[in-house]
């Protein structure tokens, strides 16, 4: 695996790349994965089905809980109908990045 992380600091928080598996049996974060094109993503699973945006909502709730931020601070920036998504997480960038690093140890 490359040393590249699937997140980067933004002006008002962090941008996070995720590969989501809906109907994955449980809500969990499986760690960092490198896609075939070389991009790093945070691999996540949720129990929710991908219908009516339920899986996307579950994804936002899961990452908010894992990082200790309110769900309203996590939003889907792109990839609403794709498995690979970009999330924006509002807050203090260094604090959020440190929390993401702890999640992936």
PDB file of N, CA and C in Angstrom:
ATOM      1  N   UNK A   1       0.845  -1.184   0.000  1.00  0.00           N
ATOM      2  CA  UNK A   1       0.000   0.000   0.000  1.00  0.00           C
ATOM      3  C   UNK A   1       0.880   1.232   0.000  1.00  0.00           C
ATOM      4  N   UNK A   2       0.474   2.237  -0.740  1.00  0.00           N
ATOM      5  CA  UNK A   2       1.220   3.480  -0.768  1.00  0.00           C
ATOM      6  C   UNK A   2       0.990   4.232   0.534  1.00  0.00           C
ATOM      7  N   UNK A   3       1.813   5.231   0.784  1.00  0.00           N
ATOM      8  CA  UNK A   3       1.690   6.016   2.004  1.00  0.00           C
ATOM      9  C   UNK A   3       0.623   7.082   1.910  1.00  0.00           C
ATOM     10  N   UNK A   4      -0.032   7.197   0.770  1.00  0.00           N
ATOM     11  CA  UNK A   4      -1.040   8.227   0.571  1.00  0.00           C
ATOM     12  C   UNK A   4      -2.283   7.933   1.406  1.00  0.00           C
ATOM     13  N   UNK A   5      -2.820   8.967   2.003  1.00  0.00           N
ATOM     14  CA  UNK A   5      -4.021   8.832   2.819  1.00  0.00           C
ATOM     15  C   UNK A   5      -5.236   9.245   1.999  1.00  0.00           C
ATOM     16  N   UNK A   6      -6.412   8.670   2.289  1.00  0.00           N
ATOM     17  CA  UNK A   6      -7.623   9.009   1.524  1.00  0.00           C
ATOM     18  C   UNK A   6      -8.303  10.294   1.995  1.00  0.00           C
ATOM     19  N   UNK A   7      -7.616  11.086   2.798  1.00  0.00           N
ATOM     20  CA  UNK A   7      -8.187  12.345   3.257  1.00  0.00           C
ATOM     21  C   UNK A   7      -7.189  13.468   3.056  1.00  0.00           C
ATOM     22  N   UNK A   8      -7.733  14.684   3.003  1.00  0.00           N
ATOM     23  CA  UNK A   8      -6.879  15.864   2.889  1.00  0.00           C
ATOM     24  C   UNK A   8      -7.551  17.015   3.623  1.00  0.00           C
ATOM     25  N   UNK A   9      -6.724  17.916   4.107  1.00  0.00           N
ATOM     26  CA  UNK A   9      -7.238  19.086   4.822  1.00  0.00           C
ATOM     27  C   UNK A   9      -7.899  20.030   3.827  1.00  0.00           C
ATOM     28  N   UNK A  10      -8.982  20.638   4.269  1.00  0.00           N
ATOM     29  CA  UNK A  10      -9.673  21.652   3.477  1.00  0.00           C
ATOM     30  C   UNK A  10      -9.734  22.924   4.320  1.00  0.00           C
ATOM     31  N   UNK A  11     -10.258  23.990   3.746  1.00  0.00           N
ATOM     32  CA  UNK A  11     -10.317  25.268   4.446  1.00  0.00           C
ATOM     33  C   UNK A  11     -11.071  25.155   5.763  1.00  0.00           C
ATOM     34  N   UNK A  12     -12.189  24.441   5.751  1.00  0.00           N
ATOM     35  CA  UNK A  12     -13.032  24.377   6.953  1.00  0.00           C
ATOM     36  C   UNK A  12     -13.252  22.950   7.438  1.00  0.00           C
ATOM     37  N   UNK A  13     -12.284  22.062   7.185  1.00  0.00           N
ATOM     38  CA  UNK A  13     -12.442  20.687   7.633  1.00  0.00           C
ATOM     39  C   UNK A  13     -11.574  19.729   6.845  1.00  0.00           C
ATOM     40  N   UNK A  14     -12.165  18.607   6.452  1.00  0.00           N
ATOM     41  CA  UNK A  14     -11.442  17.543   5.765  1.00  0.00           C
ATOM     42  C   UNK A  14     -12.288  17.013   4.613  1.00  0.00           C
ATOM     43  N   UNK A  15     -11.625  16.624   3.532  1.00  0.00           N
ATOM     44  CA  UNK A  15     -12.275  15.927   2.424  1.00  0.00           C
ATOM     45  C   UNK A  15     -11.803  14.480   2.491  1.00  0.00           C
ATOM     46  N   UNK A  16     -12.757  13.543   2.464  1.00  0.00           N
ATOM     47  CA  UNK A  16     -12.463  12.132   2.645  1.00  0.00           C
ATOM     48  C   UNK A  16     -12.994  11.321   1.467  1.00  0.00           C
ATOM     49  N   UNK A  17     -12.148  10.458   0.901  1.00  0.00           N
ATOM     50  CA  UNK A  17     -12.575   9.547  -0.168  1.00  0.00           C
ATOM     51  C   UNK A  17     -12.917   8.199   0.455  1.00  0.00           C
ATOM     52  N   UNK A  18     -14.078   7.671   0.071  1.00  0.00           N
ATOM     53  CA  UNK A  18     -14.607   6.443   0.677  1.00  0.00           C
ATOM     54  C   UNK A  18     -15.046   5.485  -0.418  1.00  0.00           C
ATOM     55  N   UNK A  19     -14.846   4.195  -0.189  1.00  0.00           N
ATOM     56  CA  UNK A  19     -15.458   3.159  -1.035  1.00  0.00           C
ATOM     57  C   UNK A  19     -16.487   2.469  -0.157  1.00  0.00           C
ATOM     58  N   UNK A  20     -17.749   2.641  -0.492  1.00  0.00           N
ATOM     59  CA  UNK A  20     -18.855   2.147   0.334  1.00  0.00           C
ATOM     60  C   UNK A  20     -19.433   0.854  -0.227  1.00  0.00           C
ATOM     61  N   UNK A  21     -19.660  -0.099   0.666  1.00  0.00           N
ATOM     62  CA  UNK A  21     -20.369  -1.316   0.318  1.00  0.00           C
ATOM     63  C   UNK A  21     -21.704  -1.299   1.051  1.00  0.00           C
ATOM     64  N   UNK A  22     -22.805  -1.029   0.340  1.00  0.00           N
ATOM     65  CA  UNK A  22     -24.118  -1.087   0.982  1.00  0.00           C
ATOM     66  C   UNK A  22     -24.537  -2.533   1.203  1.00  0.00           C
ATOM     67  N   UNK A  23     -25.463  -2.760   2.096  1.00  0.00           N
ATOM     68  CA  UNK A  23     -25.928  -4.098   2.470  1.00  0.00           C
ATOM     69  C   UNK A  23     -24.735  -4.986   2.829  1.00  0.00           C
ATOM     70  N   UNK A  24     -23.783  -4.398   3.581  1.00  0.00           N
ATOM     71  CA  UNK A  24     -22.556  -5.091   3.933  1.00  0.00           C
ATOM     72  C   UNK A  24     -22.647  -5.930   5.191  1.00  0.00           C
ATOM     73  N   UNK A  25     -23.840  -6.091   5.760  1.00  0.00           N
ATOM     74  CA  UNK A  25     -24.013  -6.948   6.931  1.00  0.00           C
ATOM     75  C   UNK A  25     -23.858  -6.241   8.254  1.00  0.00           C
ATOM     76  N   UNK A  26     -23.044  -5.195   8.295  1.00  0.00           N
ATOM     77  CA  UNK A  26     -22.854  -4.425   9.533  1.00  0.00           C
ATOM     78  C   UNK A  26     -22.295  -3.062   9.169  1.00  0.00           C
ATOM     79  N   UNK A  27     -22.376  -2.139  10.107  1.00  0.00           N
ATOM     80  CA  UNK A  27     -21.818  -0.806   9.908  1.00  0.00           C
ATOM     81  C   UNK A  27     -20.402  -0.808  10.459  1.00  0.00           C
ATOM     82  N   UNK A  28     -19.411  -0.684   9.575  1.00  0.00           N
ATOM     83  CA  UNK A  28     -18.024  -0.773  10.023  1.00  0.00           C
ATOM     84  C   UNK A  28     -17.072  -0.044   9.079  1.00  0.00           C
ATOM     85  N   UNK A  29     -15.908   0.284   9.622  1.00  0.00           N
ATOM     86  CA  UNK A  29     -14.820   0.869   8.842  1.00  0.00           C
ATOM     87  C   UNK A  29     -13.750  -0.200   8.726  1.00  0.00           C
ATOM     88  N   UNK A  30     -13.409  -0.573   7.494  1.00  0.00           N
ATOM     89  CA  UNK A  30     -12.494  -1.684   7.249  1.00  0.00           C
ATOM     90  C   UNK A  30     -11.055  -1.264   6.971  1.00  0.00           C
ATOM     91  N   UNK A  31     -10.746   0.018   7.045  1.00  0.00           N
ATOM     92  CA  UNK A  31      -9.377   0.474   6.825  1.00  0.00           C
ATOM     93  C   UNK A  31      -9.166   1.068   5.450  1.00  0.00           C
ATOM     94  N   UNK A  32      -7.907   1.324   5.143  1.00  0.00           N
ATOM     95  CA  UNK A  32      -7.542   1.977   3.882  1.00  0.00           C
ATOM     96  C   UNK A  32      -7.305   0.925   2.806  1.00  0.00           C
ATOM     97  N   UNK A  33      -7.792   1.233   1.611  1.00  0.00           N
ATOM     98  CA  UNK A  33      -7.624   0.352   0.458  1.00  0.00           C
ATOM     99  C   UNK A  33      -7.109   1.191  -0.709  1.00  0.00           C
ATOM    100  N   UNK A  34      -6.271   0.597  -1.549  1.00  0.00           N
ATOM    101  CA  UNK A  34      -5.792   1.268  -2.754  1.00  0.00           C
ATOM    102  C   UNK A  34      -6.555   0.686  -3.936  1.00  0.00           C
ATOM    103  N   UNK A  35      -7.231   1.538  -4.680  1.00  0.00           N
ATOM    104  CA  UNK A  35      -7.993   1.104  -5.851  1.00  0.00           C
ATOM    105  C   UNK A  35      -7.057   0.773  -6.999  1.00  0.00           C
ATOM    106  N   UNK A  36      -7.593   0.144  -8.032  1.00  0.00           N
ATOM    107  CA  UNK A  36      -6.778  -0.266  -9.183  1.00  0.00           C
ATOM    108  C   UNK A  36      -6.146   0.934  -9.898  1.00  0.00           C
ATOM    109  N   UNK A  37      -6.756   2.112  -9.775  1.00  0.00           N
ATOM    110  CA  UNK A  37      -6.182   3.305 -10.418  1.00  0.00           C
ATOM    111  C   UNK A  37      -5.174   4.031  -9.520  1.00  0.00           C
ATOM    112  N   UNK A  38      -4.887   3.460  -8.337  1.00  0.00           N
ATOM    113  CA  UNK A  38      -3.879   4.025  -7.448  1.00  0.00           C
ATOM    114  C   UNK A  38      -4.406   4.954  -6.375  1.00  0.00           C
ATOM    115  N   UNK A  39      -5.690   5.307  -6.443  1.00  0.00           N
ATOM    116  CA  UNK A  39      -6.265   6.182  -5.422  1.00  0.00           C
ATOM    117  C   UNK A  39      -6.472   5.423  -4.117  1.00  0.00           C
ATOM    118  N   UNK A  40      -6.236   6.099  -3.010  1.00  0.00           N
ATOM    119  CA  UNK A  40      -6.505   5.517  -1.696  1.00  0.00           C
ATOM    120  C   UNK A  40      -7.907   5.917  -1.257  1.00  0.00           C
ATOM    121  N   UNK A  41      -8.616   4.974  -0.649  1.00  0.00           N
ATOM    122  CA  UNK A  41      -9.955   5.234  -0.124  1.00  0.00           C
ATOM    123  C   UNK A  41     -10.078   4.581   1.250  1.00  0.00           C
ATOM    124  N   UNK A  42     -11.000   5.090   2.044  1.00  0.00           N
ATOM    125  CA  UNK A  42     -11.346   4.459   3.300  1.00  0.00           C
ATOM    126  C   UNK A  42     -12.475   3.484   2.998  1.00  0.00           C
ATOM    127  N   UNK A  43     -12.234   2.209   3.227  1.00  0.00           N
ATOM    128  CA  UNK A  43     -13.202   1.165   2.888  1.00  0.00           C
ATOM    129  C   UNK A  43     -14.208   1.050   4.030  1.00  0.00           C
ATOM    130  N   UNK A  44     -15.501   1.196   3.700  1.00  0.00           N
ATOM    131  CA  UNK A  44     -16.554   1.173   4.709  1.00  0.00           C
ATOM    132  C   UNK A  44     -17.719   0.315   4.243  1.00  0.00           C
ATOM    133  N   UNK A  45     -18.444  -0.245   5.220  1.00  0.00           N
ATOM    134  CA  UNK A  45     -19.655  -1.029   4.942  1.00  0.00           C
ATOM    135  C   UNK A  45     -20.782  -0.517   5.818  1.00  0.00           C
ATOM    136  N   UNK A  46     -21.991  -0.551   5.275  1.00  0.00           N
ATOM    137  CA  UNK A  46     -23.191  -0.229   6.047  1.00  0.00           C
ATOM    138  C   UNK A  46     -24.250  -1.294   5.778  1.00  0.00           C
ATOM    139  N   UNK A  47     -25.146  -1.474   6.742  1.00  0.00           N
ATOM    140  CA  UNK A  47     -26.249  -2.441   6.585  1.00  0.00           C
ATOM    141  C   UNK A  47     -27.309  -1.940   5.619  1.00  0.00           C
ATOM    142  N   UNK A  48     -27.468  -0.630   5.517  1.00  0.00           N
ATOM    143  CA  UNK A  48     -28.541  -0.039   4.721  1.00  0.00           C
ATOM    144  C   UNK A  48     -28.403  -0.369   3.236  1.00  0.00           C
ATOM    145  N   UNK A  49     -29.558  -0.460   2.584  1.00  0.00           N
ATOM    146  CA  UNK A  49     -29.601  -0.678   1.136  1.00  0.00           C
ATOM    147  C   UNK A  49     -29.361   0.651   0.418  1.00  0.00           C
ATOM    148  N   UNK A  50     -28.919   0.593  -0.841  1.00  0.00           N
ATOM    149  CA  UNK A  50     -28.627   1.829  -1.558  1.00  0.00           C
ATOM    150  C   UNK A  50     -29.863   2.555  -2.110  1.00  0.00           C
ATOM    151  N   UNK A  51     -31.044   2.159  -1.699  1.00  0.00           N
ATOM    152  CA  UNK A  51     -32.247   2.802  -2.228  1.00  0.00           C
ATOM    153  C   UNK A  51     -32.581   4.079  -1.467  1.00  0.00           C
ATOM    154  N   UNK A  52     -33.034   5.068  -2.206  1.00  0.00           N
ATOM    155  CA  UNK A  52     -33.478   6.352  -1.662  1.00  0.00           C
ATOM    156  C   UNK A  52     -32.431   7.036  -0.793  1.00  0.00           C
ATOM    157  N   UNK A  53     -31.166   6.772  -1.054  1.00  0.00           N
ATOM    158  CA  UNK A  53     -30.093   7.426  -0.324  1.00  0.00           C
ATOM    159  C   UNK A  53     -29.860   6.904   1.083  1.00  0.00           C
ATOM    160  N   UNK A  54     -30.492   5.787   1.436  1.00  0.00           N
ATOM    161  CA  UNK A  54     -30.352   5.254   2.795  1.00  0.00           C
ATOM    162  C   UNK A  54     -28.906   4.886   3.129  1.00  0.00           C
ATOM    163  N   UNK A  55     -28.194   4.286   2.182  1.00  0.00           N
ATOM    164  CA  UNK A  55     -26.799   3.895   2.431  1.00  0.00           C
ATOM    165  C   UNK A  55     -25.919   5.135   2.613  1.00  0.00           C
ATOM    166  N   UNK A  56     -26.179   6.181   1.843  1.00  0.00           N
ATOM    167  CA  UNK A  56     -25.402   7.412   1.985  1.00  0.00           C
ATOM    168  C   UNK A  56     -25.647   8.049   3.352  1.00  0.00           C
ATOM    169  N   UNK A  57     -26.890   8.045   3.804  1.00  0.00           N
ATOM    170  CA  UNK A  57     -27.207   8.602   5.131  1.00  0.00           C
ATOM    171  C   UNK A  57     -26.534   7.784   6.221  1.00  0.00           C
ATOM    172  N   UNK A  58     -26.558   6.466   6.084  1.00  0.00           N
ATOM    173  CA  UNK A  58     -25.908   5.591   7.068  1.00  0.00           C
ATOM    174  C   UNK A  58     -24.395   5.822   7.078  1.00  0.00           C
ATOM    175  N   UNK A  59     -23.819   6.033   5.903  1.00  0.00           N
ATOM    176  CA  UNK A  59     -22.388   6.324   5.798  1.00  0.00           C
ATOM    177  C   UNK A  59     -22.041   7.604   6.555  1.00  0.00           C
ATOM    178  N   UNK A  60     -22.805   8.650   6.342  1.00  0.00           N
ATOM    179  CA  UNK A  60     -22.548   9.926   7.022  1.00  0.00           C
ATOM    180  C   UNK A  60     -22.680   9.781   8.532  1.00  0.00           C
ATOM    181  N   UNK A  61     -23.693   9.040   8.980  1.00  0.00           N
ATOM    182  CA  UNK A  61     -23.863   8.817  10.429  1.00  0.00           C
ATOM    183  C   UNK A  61     -22.697   8.021  10.999  1.00  0.00           C
ATOM    184  N   UNK A  62     -22.248   6.998  10.276  1.00  0.00           N
ATOM    185  CA  UNK A  62     -21.154   6.147  10.750  1.00  0.00           C
ATOM    186  C   UNK A  62     -19.858   6.943  10.888  1.00  0.00           C
ATOM    187  N   UNK A  63     -19.502   7.735   9.887  1.00  0.00           N
ATOM    188  CA  UNK A  63     -18.249   8.486   9.966  1.00  0.00           C
ATOM    189  C   UNK A  63     -18.349   9.586  11.018  1.00  0.00           C
ATOM    190  N   UNK A  64     -19.526  10.185  11.176  1.00  0.00           N
ATOM    191  CA  UNK A  64     -19.702  11.207  12.213  1.00  0.00           C
ATOM    192  C   UNK A  64     -19.495  10.604  13.598  1.00  0.00           C
ATOM    193  N   UNK A  65     -20.090   9.446  13.835  1.00  0.00           N
ATOM    194  CA  UNK A  65     -19.938   8.778  15.127  1.00  0.00           C
ATOM    195  C   UNK A  65     -18.484   8.398  15.382  1.00  0.00           C
ATOM    196  N   UNK A  66     -17.818   7.857  14.358  1.00  0.00           N
ATOM    197  CA  UNK A  66     -16.422   7.422  14.497  1.00  0.00           C
ATOM    198  C   UNK A  66     -15.487   8.594  14.802  1.00  0.00           C
ATOM    199  N   UNK A  67     -15.802   9.773  14.262  1.00  0.00           N
ATOM    200  CA  UNK A  67     -14.944  10.945  14.460  1.00  0.00           C
ATOM    201  C   UNK A  67     -15.394  11.821  15.619  1.00  0.00           C
ATOM    202  N   UNK A  68     -16.559  11.524  16.190  1.00  0.00           N
ATOM    203  CA  UNK A  68     -17.059  12.308  17.310  1.00  0.00           C
ATOM    204  C   UNK A  68     -17.543  13.692  16.917  1.00  0.00           C
ATOM    205  N   UNK A  69     -18.105  13.791  15.722  1.00  0.00           N
ATOM    206  CA  UNK A  69     -18.673  15.065  15.272  1.00  0.00           C
ATOM    207  C   UNK A  69     -20.172  14.890  15.064  1.00  0.00           C
ATOM    208  N   UNK A  70     -20.936  15.989  15.095  1.00  0.00           N
ATOM    209  CA  UNK A  70     -22.371  15.866  14.822  1.00  0.00           C
ATOM    210  C   UNK A  70     -22.611  15.425  13.382  1.00  0.00           C
ATOM    211  N   UNK A  71     -23.645  14.607  13.141  1.00  0.00           N
ATOM    212  CA  UNK A  71     -23.942  14.158  11.769  1.00  0.00           C
ATOM    213  C   UNK A  71     -24.135  15.302  10.782  1.00  0.00           C
ATOM    214  N   UNK A  72     -24.587  16.452  11.253  1.00  0.00           N
ATOM    215  CA  UNK A  72     -24.794  17.594  10.346  1.00  0.00           C
ATOM    216  C   UNK A  72     -23.475  18.128   9.778  1.00  0.00           C
ATOM    217  N   UNK A  73     -22.332  17.773  10.408  1.00  0.00           N
ATOM    218  CA  UNK A  73     -21.026  18.236   9.936  1.00  0.00           C
ATOM    219  C   UNK A  73     -20.455  17.362   8.824  1.00  0.00           C
ATOM    220  N   UNK A  74     -21.122  16.250   8.513  1.00  0.00           N
ATOM    221  CA  UNK A  74     -20.658  15.343   7.460  1.00  0.00           C
ATOM    222  C   UNK A  74     -21.628  15.442   6.285  1.00  0.00           C
ATOM    223  N   UNK A  75     -21.090  15.725   5.100  1.00  0.00           N
ATOM    224  CA  UNK A  75     -21.966  15.812   3.924  1.00  0.00           C
ATOM    225  C   UNK A  75     -21.311  15.122   2.730  1.00  0.00           C
ATOM    226  N   UNK A  76     -22.162  14.645   1.848  1.00  0.00           N
ATOM    227  CA  UNK A  76     -21.730  13.958   0.639  1.00  0.00           C
ATOM    228  C   UNK A  76     -21.408  15.007  -0.417  1.00  0.00           C
ATOM    229  N   UNK A  77     -20.145  15.058  -0.856  1.00  0.00           N
ATOM    230  CA  UNK A  77     -19.726  16.046  -1.853  1.00  0.00           C
ATOM    231  C   UNK A  77     -19.907  15.523  -3.272  1.00  0.00           C
ATOM    232  N   UNK A  78     -19.644  14.213  -3.471  1.00  0.00           N
ATOM    233  CA  UNK A  78     -19.820  13.628  -4.800  1.00  0.00           C
ATOM    234  C   UNK A  78     -19.940  12.118  -4.674  1.00  0.00           C
ATOM    235  N   UNK A  79     -20.488  11.505  -5.714  1.00  0.00           N
ATOM    236  CA  UNK A  79     -20.601  10.055  -5.759  1.00  0.00           C
ATOM    237  C   UNK A  79     -21.875   9.501  -5.166  1.00  0.00           C
ATOM    238  N   UNK A  80     -22.970  10.243  -5.231  1.00  0.00           N
ATOM    239  CA  UNK A  80     -24.227   9.810  -4.617  1.00  0.00           C
ATOM    240  C   UNK A  80     -24.674   8.432  -5.100  1.00  0.00           C
ATOM    241  N   UNK A  81     -24.427   8.105  -6.365  1.00  0.00           N
ATOM    242  CA  UNK A  81     -24.871   6.809  -6.889  1.00  0.00           C
ATOM    243  C   UNK A  81     -23.695   5.880  -7.194  1.00  0.00           C
ATOM    244  N   UNK A  82     -22.512   6.248  -6.778  1.00  0.00           N
ATOM    245  CA  UNK A  82     -21.312   5.460  -7.022  1.00  0.00           C
ATOM    246  C   UNK A  82     -20.840   4.808  -5.726  1.00  0.00           C
ATOM    247  N   UNK A  83     -20.040   3.763  -5.834  1.00  0.00           N
ATOM    248  CA  UNK A  83     -19.453   3.167  -4.624  1.00  0.00           C
ATOM    249  C   UNK A  83     -18.345   4.038  -4.062  1.00  0.00           C
ATOM    250  N   UNK A  84     -17.630   4.748  -4.941  1.00  0.00           N
ATOM    251  CA  UNK A  84     -16.561   5.644  -4.490  1.00  0.00           C
ATOM    252  C   UNK A  84     -17.157   7.035  -4.323  1.00  0.00           C
ATOM    253  N   UNK A  85     -17.017   7.571  -3.119  1.00  0.00           N
ATOM    254  CA  UNK A  85     -17.656   8.830  -2.759  1.00  0.00           C
ATOM    255  C   UNK A  85     -16.645   9.773  -2.142  1.00  0.00           C
ATOM    256  N   UNK A  86     -16.980  11.057  -2.153  1.00  0.00           N
ATOM    257  CA  UNK A  86     -16.185  12.059  -1.454  1.00  0.00           C
ATOM    258  C   UNK A  86     -17.081  12.719  -0.417  1.00  0.00           C
ATOM    259  N   UNK A  87     -16.603  12.738   0.807  1.00  0.00           N
ATOM    260  CA  UNK A  87     -17.323  13.369   1.901  1.00  0.00           C
ATOM    261  C   UNK A  87     -16.578  14.615   2.342  1.00  0.00           C
ATOM    262  N   UNK A  88     -17.309  15.615   2.786  1.00  0.00           N
ATOM    263  CA  UNK A  88     -16.691  16.752   3.447  1.00  0.00           C
ATOM    264  C   UNK A  88     -17.102  16.696   4.907  1.00  0.00           C
ATOM    265  N   UNK A  89     -16.132  16.927   5.773  1.00  0.00           N
ATOM    266  CA  UNK A  89     -16.374  16.885   7.209  1.00  0.00           C
ATOM    267  C   UNK A  89     -15.948  18.237   7.767  1.00  0.00           C
ATOM    268  N   UNK A  90     -16.900  18.975   8.299  1.00  0.00           N
ATOM    269  CA  UNK A  90     -16.621  20.306   8.835  1.00  0.00           C
ATOM    270  C   UNK A  90     -15.995  20.188  10.219  1.00  0.00           C
ATOM    271  N   UNK A  91     -15.051  21.074  10.483  1.00  0.00           N
ATOM    272  CA  UNK A  91     -14.415  21.092  11.796  1.00  0.00           C
ATOM    273  C   UNK A  91     -12.962  21.488  11.688  1.00  0.00           C
ATOM    274  N   UNK A  92     -12.235  21.263  12.778  1.00  0.00           N
ATOM    275  CA  UNK A  92     -10.817  21.587  12.857  1.00  0.00           C
ATOM    276  C   UNK A  92     -10.015  20.506  12.122  1.00  0.00           C
ATOM    277  N   UNK A  93      -9.364  20.887  11.031  1.00  0.00           N
ATOM    278  CA  UNK A  93      -8.662  19.910  10.189  1.00  0.00           C
ATOM    279  C   UNK A  93      -7.653  19.049  10.947  1.00  0.00           C
ATOM    280  N   UNK A  94      -6.742  19.631  11.739  1.00  0.00           N
ATOM    281  CA  UNK A  94      -5.767  18.775  12.435  1.00  0.00           C
ATOM    282  C   UNK A  94      -6.417  17.771  13.394  1.00  0.00           C
ATOM    283  N   UNK A  95      -7.474  18.179  14.068  1.00  0.00           N
ATOM    284  CA  UNK A  95      -8.181  17.281  14.985  1.00  0.00           C
ATOM    285  C   UNK A  95      -8.843  16.140  14.225  1.00  0.00           C
ATOM    286  N   UNK A  96      -9.503  16.462  13.124  1.00  0.00           N
ATOM    287  CA  UNK A  96     -10.171  15.444  12.311  1.00  0.00           C
ATOM    288  C   UNK A  96      -9.165  14.473  11.689  1.00  0.00           C
ATOM    289  N   UNK A  97      -8.048  14.997  11.202  1.00  0.00           N
ATOM    290  CA  UNK A  97      -7.022  14.138  10.601  1.00  0.00           C
ATOM    291  C   UNK A  97      -6.432  13.204  11.650  1.00  0.00           C
ATOM    292  N   UNK A  98      -6.207  13.716  12.857  1.00  0.00           N
ATOM    293  CA  UNK A  98      -5.686  12.860  13.934  1.00  0.00           C
ATOM    294  C   UNK A  98      -6.672  11.752  14.260  1.00  0.00           C
ATOM    295  N   UNK A  99      -7.965  12.065  14.275  1.00  0.00           N
ATOM    296  CA  UNK A  99      -8.990  11.049  14.544  1.00  0.00           C
ATOM    297  C   UNK A  99      -9.020  10.009  13.431  1.00  0.00           C
ATOM    298  N   UNK A 100      -8.888  10.422  12.185  1.00  0.00           N
ATOM    299  CA  UNK A 100      -8.859   9.485  11.059  1.00  0.00           C
ATOM    300  C   UNK A 100      -7.628   8.574  11.140  1.00  0.00           C
ATOM    301  N   UNK A 101      -6.502   9.143  11.509  1.00  0.00           N
ATOM    302  CA  UNK A 101      -5.276   8.336  11.671  1.00  0.00           C
ATOM    303  C   UNK A 101      -5.481   7.257  12.736  1.00  0.00           C
ATOM    304  N   UNK A 102      -6.126   7.624  13.852  1.00  0.00           N
ATOM    305  CA  UNK A 102      -6.390   6.655  14.915  1.00  0.00           C
ATOM    306  C   UNK A 102      -7.322   5.533  14.428  1.00  0.00           C
ATOM    307  N   UNK A 103      -8.307   5.880  13.625  1.00  0.00           N
ATOM    308  CA  UNK A 103      -9.243   4.884  13.097  1.00  0.00           C
ATOM    309  C   UNK A 103      -8.539   3.841  12.231  1.00  0.00           C
ATOM    310  N   UNK A 104      -7.484   4.247  11.556  1.00  0.00           N
ATOM    311  CA  UNK A 104      -6.841   3.393  10.560  1.00  0.00           C
ATOM    312  C   UNK A 104      -5.583   2.700  11.083  1.00  0.00           C
ATOM    313  N   UNK A 105      -5.333   2.744  12.351  1.00  0.00           N
ATOM    314  CA  UNK A 105      -4.151   2.076  12.913  1.00  0.00           C
ATOM    315  C   UNK A 105      -4.359   0.591  12.996  1.00  0.00           C
TER     316      UNK A 105
END
